[in-house]
Amino acid sequence: VVIGGSIYAVSGTSASSPSVAGLVSLVNAARLEAGKSSLGFLNSAIYTYGTQFANDITSGVNNCTAGLVCCSQGFYAAAGWDPLTGFGSVDYGKFYDIFYNL
């Protein structure tokens, strides 16, 4: 991310939340252009369709930082929804198809 001309590394929800918000904005723009309503509250739809638009991430753990400081606790990625990766990474084409057509 570039802020004020300086480059910063971001990860986790600091990166994913604004990215997904941007994807939702693109879908909303297309829906509005087609005369449809905006999506509104998406929580239930995300949990309903999450496995259909995400690339499942099934390995990984978050018990160590980038500086290699590790602790005994952490979350593990697993098949399906998990607290580390949620449903996984968003496939925008699939996301668009589902949410444009709701």
Protein backbone atom coordinates (compact mmCIF):
# COMPACT_ATOMS: atom_id res chain seq x y z
CA VAL A 1 0.00 0.00 0.00
CA VAL A 2 1.28 3.47 -0.82
CA ILE A 3 0.42 6.17 1.71
CA GLY A 4 1.83 9.65 1.25
CA GLY A 5 4.42 8.33 -1.17
CA SER A 6 5.72 5.69 1.25
CA ILE A 7 5.25 1.97 0.70
CA TYR A 8 3.85 -0.13 3.55
CA ALA A 9 3.20 -3.86 3.76
CA VAL A 10 -0.27 -4.81 4.96
CA SER A 11 -1.91 -8.15 5.52
CA GLY A 12 -4.86 -9.77 7.19
CA THR A 13 -8.10 -7.87 7.51
CA SER A 14 -6.20 -4.60 6.99
CA ALA A 15 -5.75 -5.69 3.39
CA SER A 16 -8.68 -8.01 2.75
CA SER A 17 -11.54 -5.87 4.07
CA PRO A 18 -10.93 -2.89 1.78
CA SER A 19 -10.23 -5.24 -1.12
CA VAL A 20 -13.55 -7.04 -0.72
CA ALA A 21 -15.31 -3.69 -0.26
CA GLY A 22 -13.90 -2.68 -3.63
CA LEU A 23 -15.22 -5.88 -5.23
CA VAL A 24 -18.66 -5.21 -3.76
CA SER A 25 -18.52 -1.66 -5.14
CA LEU A 26 -17.79 -2.99 -8.62
CA VAL A 27 -20.76 -5.37 -8.43
CA ASN A 28 -23.00 -2.61 -7.07
CA ALA A 29 -21.99 -0.28 -9.91
CA ALA A 30 -22.86 -2.94 -12.49
CA ARG A 31 -26.17 -3.69 -10.76
CA LEU A 32 -27.13 0.00 -10.63
CA GLU A 33 -26.18 0.47 -14.28
CA ALA A 34 -28.51 -2.43 -15.12
CA GLY A 35 -31.37 -0.85 -13.15
CA LYS A 36 -31.04 -3.23 -10.20
CA SER A 37 -30.78 -2.25 -6.54
CA SER A 38 -27.50 -2.20 -4.65
CA LEU A 39 -26.66 -5.29 -2.63
CA GLY A 40 -27.13 -3.88 0.87
CA PHE A 41 -26.38 -6.08 3.89
CA LEU A 42 -24.34 -9.04 2.62
CA ASN A 43 -23.55 -11.08 5.72
CA SER A 44 -26.11 -13.85 5.20
CA ALA A 45 -25.39 -14.05 1.45
CA ILE A 46 -21.64 -14.35 2.08
CA TYR A 47 -22.21 -17.28 4.42
CA THR A 48 -24.72 -18.84 2.03
CA TYR A 49 -22.51 -18.60 -1.08
CA GLY A 50 -18.99 -18.40 0.39
CA THR A 51 -17.94 -21.87 -0.70
CA GLN A 52 -19.12 -21.09 -4.25
CA PHE A 53 -17.00 -17.96 -4.84
CA ALA A 54 -13.88 -18.57 -2.75
CA ASN A 55 -10.73 -20.57 -3.33
CA ASP A 56 -10.47 -22.70 -0.21
CA ILE A 57 -7.16 -22.40 1.64
CA THR A 58 -6.53 -25.61 3.55
CA SER A 59 -3.05 -25.23 5.02
CA GLY A 60 -1.34 -22.65 7.17
CA VAL A 61 -1.22 -21.37 10.72
CA ASN A 62 -0.95 -17.87 12.17
CA ASN A 63 1.00 -18.51 15.36
CA CYS A 64 4.17 -16.76 14.10
CA THR A 65 4.69 -13.15 13.04
CA ALA A 66 6.69 -11.97 10.04
CA GLY A 67 9.54 -11.32 12.48
CA LEU A 68 9.47 -15.01 13.44
CA VAL A 69 8.12 -14.41 16.92
CA CYS A 70 6.12 -17.56 17.61
CA CYS A 71 3.70 -18.57 20.30
CA SER A 72 1.97 -21.83 21.15
CA GLN A 73 -1.50 -20.61 20.15
CA GLY A 74 -2.86 -19.86 16.71
CA PHE A 75 -5.50 -20.76 14.16
CA TYR A 76 -5.08 -23.38 11.47
CA ALA A 77 -6.48 -23.32 7.97
CA ALA A 78 -8.81 -26.23 7.21
CA ALA A 79 -11.23 -27.35 4.52
CA GLY A 80 -14.29 -25.09 4.35
CA TRP A 81 -14.68 -22.06 6.59
CA ASP A 82 -12.00 -21.58 9.25
CA PRO A 83 -11.06 -18.68 11.54
CA LEU A 84 -7.71 -18.18 9.81
CA THR A 85 -8.79 -17.73 6.19
CA GLY A 86 -12.58 -17.58 6.36
CA PHE A 87 -13.80 -19.19 3.14
CA GLY A 88 -10.46 -18.46 1.43
CA SER A 89 -9.50 -16.04 -1.33
CA VAL A 90 -12.23 -14.49 -3.46
CA ASP A 91 -12.57 -15.52 -7.10
CA TYR A 92 -13.97 -12.27 -8.47
CA GLY A 93 -15.55 -13.84 -11.56
CA LYS A 94 -17.57 -16.23 -9.42
CA PHE A 95 -18.29 -13.52 -6.84
CA TYR A 96 -19.56 -11.20 -9.56
CA ASP A 97 -21.77 -13.85 -11.16
CA ILE A 98 -23.41 -14.75 -7.86
CA PHE A 99 -23.92 -11.27 -6.44
CA TYR A 100 -24.84 -9.54 -9.70
CA ASN A 101 -27.63 -12.08 -10.18
CA LEU A 102 -29.10 -11.98 -6.66
